[in-house]
Amino acid sequence: MEIRILDASLERFIESLEKPMIAKVLRTIDLLEKFGPKLEPPHTKKISTHLFELRISGKQEIRIFYSFHKSQILLLHGFVKKSQKIP
């Protein structure tokens, strides 16, 4: 499946992370691209019918929301998780 970043702010967010976290994020995105909807926890979590969360753990807990559209995976928004609540 093809990965598509819908907003440049997500690219800036990823680039703002520390190098080891950038590597983990890119590795997890590669897994998502390779396995698509077959990727399972702990790497992903279903939030609602069409919204999913990519989960990257390390020094920081990174979350990236994504959705599927035809043969594409749309990366929507990323953030550093600081609590149990989804922003």
PDB file of N, CA and C in Angstrom:
ATOM      1  N   MET A   1       0.839  -1.182   0.000  1.00  0.00           N
ATOM      2  CA  MET A   1       0.000   0.000   0.000  1.00  0.00           C
ATOM      3  C   MET A   1       0.883   1.245   0.000  1.00  0.00           C
ATOM      4  N   GLU A   2       0.359   2.290  -0.573  1.00  0.00           N
ATOM      5  CA  GLU A   2       1.092   3.556  -0.656  1.00  0.00           C
ATOM      6  C   GLU A   2       0.798   4.420   0.569  1.00  0.00           C
ATOM      7  N   ILE A   3       1.851   4.981   1.165  1.00  0.00           N
ATOM      8  CA  ILE A   3       1.715   5.903   2.293  1.00  0.00           C
ATOM      9  C   ILE A   3       1.628   7.318   1.747  1.00  0.00           C
ATOM     10  N   ARG A   4       0.678   8.093   2.274  1.00  0.00           N
ATOM     11  CA  ARG A   4       0.539   9.484   1.847  1.00  0.00           C
ATOM     12  C   ARG A   4       0.360  10.361   3.084  1.00  0.00           C
ATOM     13  N   ILE A   5       1.200  11.367   3.232  1.00  0.00           N
ATOM     14  CA  ILE A   5       1.088  12.326   4.333  1.00  0.00           C
ATOM     15  C   ILE A   5       0.234  13.483   3.842  1.00  0.00           C
ATOM     16  N   LEU A   6      -0.882  13.731   4.539  1.00  0.00           N
ATOM     17  CA  LEU A   6      -1.835  14.722   4.055  1.00  0.00           C
ATOM     18  C   LEU A   6      -1.493  16.154   4.444  1.00  0.00           C
ATOM     19  N   ASP A   7      -0.688  16.332   5.473  1.00  0.00           N
ATOM     20  CA  ASP A   7      -0.420  17.691   5.945  1.00  0.00           C
ATOM     21  C   ASP A   7       1.074  17.836   6.234  1.00  0.00           C
ATOM     22  N   ALA A   8       1.658  18.907   5.757  1.00  0.00           N
ATOM     23  CA  ALA A   8       3.094  19.145   5.967  1.00  0.00           C
ATOM     24  C   ALA A   8       3.432  19.270   7.449  1.00  0.00           C
ATOM     25  N   SER A   9       2.454  19.620   8.284  1.00  0.00           N
ATOM     26  CA  SER A   9       2.729  19.739   9.717  1.00  0.00           C
ATOM     27  C   SER A   9       3.118  18.386  10.317  1.00  0.00           C
ATOM     28  N   LEU A  10       2.627  17.294   9.755  1.00  0.00           N
ATOM     29  CA  LEU A  10       3.028  15.967  10.235  1.00  0.00           C
ATOM     30  C   LEU A  10       4.496  15.704   9.897  1.00  0.00           C
ATOM     31  N   GLU A  11       4.920  16.085   8.709  1.00  0.00           N
ATOM     32  CA  GLU A  11       6.340  15.942   8.344  1.00  0.00           C
ATOM     33  C   GLU A  11       7.213  16.759   9.288  1.00  0.00           C
ATOM     34  N   ARG A  12       6.800  17.988   9.569  1.00  0.00           N
ATOM     35  CA  ARG A  12       7.566  18.849  10.483  1.00  0.00           C
ATOM     36  C   ARG A  12       7.611  18.244  11.888  1.00  0.00           C
ATOM     37  N   PHE A  13       6.486  17.672  12.320  1.00  0.00           N
ATOM     38  CA  PHE A  13       6.436  17.022  13.633  1.00  0.00           C
ATOM     39  C   PHE A  13       7.456  15.883  13.701  1.00  0.00           C
ATOM     40  N   ILE A  14       7.468  15.021  12.709  1.00  0.00           N
ATOM     41  CA  ILE A  14       8.397  13.887  12.697  1.00  0.00           C
ATOM     42  C   ILE A  14       9.842  14.386  12.678  1.00  0.00           C
ATOM     43  N   GLU A  15      10.124  15.389  11.856  1.00  0.00           N
ATOM     44  CA  GLU A  15      11.482  15.940  11.764  1.00  0.00           C
ATOM     45  C   GLU A  15      11.928  16.603  13.063  1.00  0.00           C
ATOM     46  N   SER A  16      10.980  17.045  13.902  1.00  0.00           N
ATOM     47  CA  SER A  16      11.322  17.724  15.156  1.00  0.00           C
ATOM     48  C   SER A  16      11.713  16.751  16.269  1.00  0.00           C
ATOM     49  N   LEU A  17      11.482  15.471  16.065  1.00  0.00           N
ATOM     50  CA  LEU A  17      11.792  14.475  17.086  1.00  0.00           C
ATOM     51  C   LEU A  17      13.295  14.212  17.135  1.00  0.00           C
ATOM     52  N   GLU A  18      13.733  13.586  18.235  1.00  0.00           N
ATOM     53  CA  GLU A  18      15.134  13.186  18.348  1.00  0.00           C
ATOM     54  C   GLU A  18      15.415  12.073  17.341  1.00  0.00           C
ATOM     55  N   LYS A  19      16.662  11.994  16.881  1.00  0.00           N
ATOM     56  CA  LYS A  19      17.015  11.042  15.816  1.00  0.00           C
ATOM     57  C   LYS A  19      16.601   9.596  16.103  1.00  0.00           C
ATOM     58  N   PRO A  20      16.822   9.077  17.333  1.00  0.00           N
ATOM     59  CA  PRO A  20      16.387   7.687  17.566  1.00  0.00           C
ATOM     60  C   PRO A  20      14.869   7.514  17.412  1.00  0.00           C
ATOM     61  N   MET A  21      14.096   8.526  17.805  1.00  0.00           N
ATOM     62  CA  MET A  21      12.634   8.444  17.668  1.00  0.00           C
ATOM     63  C   MET A  21      12.225   8.562  16.207  1.00  0.00           C
ATOM     64  N   ILE A  22      12.919   9.402  15.438  1.00  0.00           N
ATOM     65  CA  ILE A  22      12.626   9.500  14.002  1.00  0.00           C
ATOM     66  C   ILE A  22      12.812   8.127  13.362  1.00  0.00           C
ATOM     67  N   ALA A  23      13.895   7.447  13.715  1.00  0.00           N
ATOM     68  CA  ALA A  23      14.155   6.112  13.155  1.00  0.00           C
ATOM     69  C   ALA A  23      13.043   5.139  13.519  1.00  0.00           C
ATOM     70  N   LYS A  24      12.566   5.182  14.771  1.00  0.00           N
ATOM     71  CA  LYS A  24      11.475   4.292  15.191  1.00  0.00           C
ATOM     72  C   LYS A  24      10.187   4.619  14.446  1.00  0.00           C
ATOM     73  N   VAL A  25       9.896   5.911  14.290  1.00  0.00           N
ATOM     74  CA  VAL A  25       8.683   6.322  13.572  1.00  0.00           C
ATOM     75  C   VAL A  25       8.741   5.814  12.133  1.00  0.00           C
ATOM     76  N   LEU A  26       9.855   6.033  11.459  1.00  0.00           N
ATOM     77  CA  LEU A  26       9.981   5.605  10.062  1.00  0.00           C
ATOM     78  C   LEU A  26       9.917   4.086   9.926  1.00  0.00           C
ATOM     79  N   ARG A  27      10.495   3.380  10.883  1.00  0.00           N
ATOM     80  CA  ARG A  27      10.439   1.912  10.868  1.00  0.00           C
ATOM     81  C   ARG A  27       8.996   1.427  11.038  1.00  0.00           C
ATOM     82  N   THR A  28       8.245   2.072  11.925  1.00  0.00           N
ATOM     83  CA  THR A  28       6.852   1.677  12.152  1.00  0.00           C
ATOM     84  C   THR A  28       5.988   2.037  10.949  1.00  0.00           C
ATOM     85  N   ILE A  29       6.250   3.172  10.311  1.00  0.00           N
ATOM     86  CA  ILE A  29       5.528   3.533   9.085  1.00  0.00           C
ATOM     87  C   ILE A  29       5.831   2.511   7.988  1.00  0.00           C
ATOM     88  N   ASP A  30       7.080   2.049   7.914  1.00  0.00           N
ATOM     89  CA  ASP A  30       7.431   1.000   6.943  1.00  0.00           C
ATOM     90  C   ASP A  30       6.641  -0.283   7.201  1.00  0.00           C
ATOM     91  N   LEU A  31       6.485  -0.647   8.475  1.00  0.00           N
ATOM     92  CA  LEU A  31       5.674  -1.823   8.813  1.00  0.00           C
ATOM     93  C   LEU A  31       4.232  -1.634   8.359  1.00  0.00           C
ATOM     94  N   LEU A  32       3.696  -0.433   8.587  1.00  0.00           N
ATOM     95  CA  LEU A  32       2.328  -0.134   8.166  1.00  0.00           C
ATOM     96  C   LEU A  32       2.201  -0.244   6.653  1.00  0.00           C
ATOM     97  N   GLU A  33       3.185   0.271   5.932  1.00  0.00           N
ATOM     98  CA  GLU A  33       3.163   0.195   4.469  1.00  0.00           C
ATOM     99  C   GLU A  33       3.225  -1.263   3.999  1.00  0.00           C
ATOM    100  N   LYS A  34       4.026  -2.066   4.675  1.00  0.00           N
ATOM    101  CA  LYS A  34       4.201  -3.467   4.279  1.00  0.00           C
ATOM    102  C   LYS A  34       2.969  -4.321   4.604  1.00  0.00           C
ATOM    103  N   PHE A  35       2.411  -4.161   5.809  1.00  0.00           N
ATOM    104  CA  PHE A  35       1.329  -5.032   6.261  1.00  0.00           C
ATOM    105  C   PHE A  35      -0.063  -4.423   6.124  1.00  0.00           C
ATOM    106  N   GLY A  36      -0.147  -3.094   5.958  1.00  0.00           N
ATOM    107  CA  GLY A  36      -1.441  -2.440   5.781  1.00  0.00           C
ATOM    108  C   GLY A  36      -2.405  -2.767   6.904  1.00  0.00           C
ATOM    109  N   PRO A  37      -3.657  -3.101   6.562  1.00  0.00           N
ATOM    110  CA  PRO A  37      -4.666  -3.355   7.590  1.00  0.00           C
ATOM    111  C   PRO A  37      -4.400  -4.616   8.418  1.00  0.00           C
ATOM    112  N   LYS A  38      -3.420  -5.400   8.033  1.00  0.00           N
ATOM    113  CA  LYS A  38      -3.082  -6.610   8.797  1.00  0.00           C
ATOM    114  C   LYS A  38      -2.127  -6.326   9.956  1.00  0.00           C
ATOM    115  N   LEU A  39      -1.602  -5.099  10.034  1.00  0.00           N
ATOM    116  CA  LEU A  39      -0.714  -4.740  11.139  1.00  0.00           C
ATOM    117  C   LEU A  39      -1.530  -4.724  12.432  1.00  0.00           C
ATOM    118  N   GLU A  40      -1.008  -5.368  13.458  1.00  0.00           N
ATOM    119  CA  GLU A  40      -1.755  -5.543  14.704  1.00  0.00           C
ATOM    120  C   GLU A  40      -1.055  -4.856  15.868  1.00  0.00           C
ATOM    121  N   PRO A  41      -1.745  -4.816  17.037  1.00  0.00           N
ATOM    122  CA  PRO A  41      -1.105  -4.302  18.248  1.00  0.00           C
ATOM    123  C   PRO A  41       0.177  -5.085  18.517  1.00  0.00           C
ATOM    124  N   PRO A  42       1.180  -4.467  19.080  1.00  0.00           N
ATOM    125  CA  PRO A  42       1.177  -3.166  19.742  1.00  0.00           C
ATOM    126  C   PRO A  42       1.442  -1.987  18.812  1.00  0.00           C
ATOM    127  N   HIS A  43       1.569  -2.232  17.514  1.00  0.00           N
ATOM    128  CA  HIS A  43       1.915  -1.160  16.578  1.00  0.00           C
ATOM    129  C   HIS A  43       0.734  -0.280  16.205  1.00  0.00           C
ATOM    130  N   THR A  44      -0.465  -0.789  16.328  1.00  0.00           N
ATOM    131  CA  THR A  44      -1.630  -0.039  15.876  1.00  0.00           C
ATOM    132  C   THR A  44      -2.823  -0.302  16.783  1.00  0.00           C
ATOM    133  N   LYS A  45      -3.764   0.628  16.761  1.00  0.00           N
ATOM    134  CA  LYS A  45      -4.994   0.491  17.531  1.00  0.00           C
ATOM    135  C   LYS A  45      -6.120   1.146  16.747  1.00  0.00           C
ATOM    136  N   LYS A  46      -7.267   0.491  16.717  1.00  0.00           N
ATOM    137  CA  LYS A  46      -8.437   1.052  16.042  1.00  0.00           C
ATOM    138  C   LYS A  46      -9.097   2.059  16.979  1.00  0.00           C
ATOM    139  N   ILE A  47      -9.316   3.281  16.488  1.00  0.00           N
ATOM    140  CA  ILE A  47      -9.941   4.334  17.282  1.00  0.00           C
ATOM    141  C   ILE A  47     -11.440   4.382  16.999  1.00  0.00           C
ATOM    142  N   SER A  48     -11.800   4.329  15.727  1.00  0.00           N
ATOM    143  CA  SER A  48     -13.205   4.287  15.308  1.00  0.00           C
ATOM    144  C   SER A  48     -13.274   3.513  13.996  1.00  0.00           C
ATOM    145  N   THR A  49     -14.416   3.521  13.358  1.00  0.00           N
ATOM    146  CA  THR A  49     -14.617   2.720  12.154  1.00  0.00           C
ATOM    147  C   THR A  49     -13.535   2.941  11.104  1.00  0.00           C
ATOM    148  N   HIS A  50     -13.183   4.187  10.840  1.00  0.00           N
ATOM    149  CA  HIS A  50     -12.222   4.487   9.772  1.00  0.00           C
ATOM    150  C   HIS A  50     -10.962   5.193  10.268  1.00  0.00           C
ATOM    151  N   LEU A  51     -10.780   5.267  11.569  1.00  0.00           N
ATOM    152  CA  LEU A  51      -9.633   5.978  12.130  1.00  0.00           C
ATOM    153  C   LEU A  51      -8.804   5.022  12.981  1.00  0.00           C
ATOM    154  N   PHE A  52      -7.486   5.046  12.738  1.00  0.00           N
ATOM    155  CA  PHE A  52      -6.565   4.170  13.445  1.00  0.00           C
ATOM    156  C   PHE A  52      -5.428   4.995  14.019  1.00  0.00           C
ATOM    157  N   GLU A  53      -4.723   4.396  14.984  1.00  0.00           N
ATOM    158  CA  GLU A  53      -3.623   5.064  15.662  1.00  0.00           C
ATOM    159  C   GLU A  53      -2.372   4.211  15.508  1.00  0.00           C
ATOM    160  N   LEU A  54      -1.330   4.793  14.954  1.00  0.00           N
ATOM    161  CA  LEU A  54      -0.023   4.147  14.883  1.00  0.00           C
ATOM    162  C   LEU A  54       0.685   4.468  16.193  1.00  0.00           C
ATOM    163  N   ARG A  55       1.200   3.441  16.866  1.00  0.00           N
ATOM    164  CA  ARG A  55       1.759   3.615  18.204  1.00  0.00           C
ATOM    165  C   ARG A  55       3.257   3.329  18.182  1.00  0.00           C
ATOM    166  N   ILE A  56       4.044   4.336  18.555  1.00  0.00           N
ATOM    167  CA  ILE A  56       5.494   4.192  18.581  1.00  0.00           C
ATOM    168  C   ILE A  56       5.955   4.463  20.010  1.00  0.00           C
ATOM    169  N   SER A  57       6.598   3.472  20.616  1.00  0.00           N
ATOM    170  CA  SER A  57       7.058   3.601  21.997  1.00  0.00           C
ATOM    171  C   SER A  57       8.567   3.725  22.034  1.00  0.00           C
ATOM    172  N   GLY A  58       9.029   4.453  23.017  1.00  0.00           N
ATOM    173  CA  GLY A  58      10.455   4.664  23.214  1.00  0.00           C
ATOM    174  C   GLY A  58      10.620   5.652  24.341  1.00  0.00           C
ATOM    175  N   LYS A  59      11.582   6.545  24.214  1.00  0.00           N
ATOM    176  CA  LYS A  59      11.770   7.590  25.213  1.00  0.00           C
ATOM    177  C   LYS A  59      10.493   8.421  25.331  1.00  0.00           C
ATOM    178  N   GLN A  60       9.819   8.596  24.215  1.00  0.00           N
ATOM    179  CA  GLN A  60       8.526   9.278  24.165  1.00  0.00           C
ATOM    180  C   GLN A  60       7.504   8.316  23.569  1.00  0.00           C
ATOM    181  N   GLU A  61       6.243   8.552  23.881  1.00  0.00           N
ATOM    182  CA  GLU A  61       5.154   7.797  23.265  1.00  0.00           C
ATOM    183  C   GLU A  61       4.614   8.647  22.118  1.00  0.00           C
ATOM    184  N   ILE A  62       4.809   8.191  20.893  1.00  0.00           N
ATOM    185  CA  ILE A  62       4.372   8.926  19.705  1.00  0.00           C
ATOM    186  C   ILE A  62       3.131   8.247  19.153  1.00  0.00           C
ATOM    187  N   ARG A  63       2.162   9.055  18.751  1.00  0.00           N
ATOM    188  CA  ARG A  63       0.954   8.539  18.116  1.00  0.00           C
ATOM    189  C   ARG A  63       0.754   9.263  16.790  1.00  0.00           C
ATOM    190  N   ILE A  64       0.362   8.509  15.773  1.00  0.00           N
ATOM    191  CA  ILE A  64       0.047   9.086  14.463  1.00  0.00           C
ATOM    192  C   ILE A  64      -1.292   8.513  14.028  1.00  0.00           C
ATOM    193  N   PHE A  65      -2.265   9.393  13.806  1.00  0.00           N
ATOM    194  CA  PHE A  65      -3.569   8.954  13.317  1.00  0.00           C
ATOM    195  C   PHE A  65      -3.477   8.695  11.823  1.00  0.00           C
ATOM    196  N   TYR A  66      -4.171   7.651  11.380  1.00  0.00           N
ATOM    197  CA  TYR A  66      -4.190   7.329   9.954  1.00  0.00           C
ATOM    198  C   TYR A  66      -5.506   6.681   9.585  1.00  0.00           C
ATOM    199  N   SER A  67      -5.748   6.639   8.278  1.00  0.00           N
ATOM    200  CA  SER A  67      -6.954   6.030   7.733  1.00  0.00           C
ATOM    201  C   SER A  67      -6.594   5.369   6.408  1.00  0.00           C
ATOM    202  N   PHE A  68      -7.459   4.486   5.951  1.00  0.00           N
ATOM    203  CA  PHE A  68      -7.271   3.830   4.659  1.00  0.00           C
ATOM    204  C   PHE A  68      -8.226   4.446   3.644  1.00  0.00           C
ATOM    205  N   HIS A  69      -7.725   4.675   2.436  1.00  0.00           N
ATOM    206  CA  HIS A  69      -8.566   5.168   1.341  1.00  0.00           C
ATOM    207  C   HIS A  69      -8.102   4.488   0.057  1.00  0.00           C
ATOM    208  N   LYS A  70      -8.951   3.619  -0.465  1.00  0.00           N
ATOM    209  CA  LYS A  70      -8.618   2.820  -1.652  1.00  0.00           C
ATOM    210  C   LYS A  70      -7.319   2.065  -1.382  1.00  0.00           C
ATOM    211  N   SER A  71      -6.291   2.273  -2.174  1.00  0.00           N
ATOM    212  CA  SER A  71      -5.031   1.551  -1.960  1.00  0.00           C
ATOM    213  C   SER A  71      -3.999   2.418  -1.239  1.00  0.00           C
ATOM    214  N   GLN A  72      -4.473   3.453  -0.548  1.00  0.00           N
ATOM    215  CA  GLN A  72      -3.566   4.365   0.147  1.00  0.00           C
ATOM    216  C   GLN A  72      -3.777   4.310   1.654  1.00  0.00           C
ATOM    217  N   ILE A  73      -2.701   4.603   2.371  1.00  0.00           N
ATOM    218  CA  ILE A  73      -2.768   4.822   3.810  1.00  0.00           C
ATOM    219  C   ILE A  73      -2.512   6.306   4.008  1.00  0.00           C
ATOM    220  N   LEU A  74      -3.482   7.002   4.559  1.00  0.00           N
ATOM    221  CA  LEU A  74      -3.396   8.444   4.741  1.00  0.00           C
ATOM    222  C   LEU A  74      -2.950   8.750   6.164  1.00  0.00           C
ATOM    223  N   LEU A  75      -1.764   9.318   6.316  1.00  0.00           N
ATOM    224  CA  LEU A  75      -1.275   9.738   7.627  1.00  0.00           C
ATOM    225  C   LEU A  75      -1.828  11.129   7.891  1.00  0.00           C
ATOM    226  N   LEU A  76      -2.522  11.282   9.023  1.00  0.00           N
ATOM    227  CA  LEU A  76      -3.308  12.487   9.256  1.00  0.00           C
ATOM    228  C   LEU A  76      -2.697  13.459  10.256  1.00  0.00           C
ATOM    229  N   HIS A  77      -2.269  12.952  11.410  1.00  0.00           N
ATOM    230  CA  HIS A  77      -1.847  13.850  12.487  1.00  0.00           C
ATOM    231  C   HIS A  77      -0.951  13.082  13.451  1.00  0.00           C
ATOM    232  N   GLY A  78       0.070  13.739  13.979  1.00  0.00           N
ATOM    233  CA  GLY A  78       0.955  13.108  14.945  1.00  0.00           C
ATOM    234  C   GLY A  78       1.114  13.950  16.190  1.00  0.00           C
ATOM    235  N   PHE A  79       1.385  13.284  17.316  1.00  0.00           N
ATOM    236  CA  PHE A  79       1.581  14.003  18.571  1.00  0.00           C
ATOM    237  C   PHE A  79       2.360  13.129  19.545  1.00  0.00           C
ATOM    238  N   VAL A  80       2.920  13.784  20.566  1.00  0.00           N
ATOM    239  CA  VAL A  80       3.573  13.082  21.666  1.00  0.00           C
ATOM    240  C   VAL A  80       2.513  12.851  22.725  1.00  0.00           C
ATOM    241  N   LYS A  81       2.333  11.602  23.109  1.00  0.00           N
ATOM    242  CA  LYS A  81       1.308  11.261  24.089  1.00  0.00           C
ATOM    243  C   LYS A  81       1.803  11.638  25.476  1.00  0.00           C
ATOM    244  N   LYS A  82       0.977  12.389  26.206  1.00  0.00           N
ATOM    245  CA  LYS A  82       1.354  12.827  27.544  1.00  0.00           C
ATOM    246  C   LYS A  82       0.396  12.317  28.608  1.00  0.00           C
ATOM    247  N   SER A  83      -0.775  11.828  28.187  1.00  0.00           N
ATOM    248  CA  SER A  83      -1.759  11.310  29.139  1.00  0.00           C
ATOM    249  C   SER A  83      -2.556  10.204  28.471  1.00  0.00           C
ATOM    250  N   GLN A  84      -3.549   9.678  29.172  1.00  0.00           N
ATOM    251  CA  GLN A  84      -4.384   8.615  28.625  1.00  0.00           C
ATOM    252  C   GLN A  84      -5.441   9.137  27.667  1.00  0.00           C
ATOM    253  N   LYS A  85      -5.646  10.455  27.621  1.00  0.00           N
ATOM    254  CA  LYS A  85      -6.675  11.040  26.764  1.00  0.00           C
ATOM    255  C   LYS A  85      -6.163  11.232  25.344  1.00  0.00           C
ATOM    256  N   ILE A  86      -7.029  11.025  24.368  1.00  0.00           N
ATOM    257  CA  ILE A  86      -6.701  11.302  22.968  1.00  0.00           C
ATOM    258  C   ILE A  86      -7.080  12.752  22.694  1.00  0.00           C
ATOM    259  N   PRO A  87      -6.146  13.565  22.171  1.00  0.00           N
ATOM    260  CA  PRO A  87      -6.472  14.985  21.942  1.00  0.00           C
ATOM    261  C   PRO A  87      -7.485  15.172  20.824  1.00  0.00           C
TER     262      PRO A  87
END
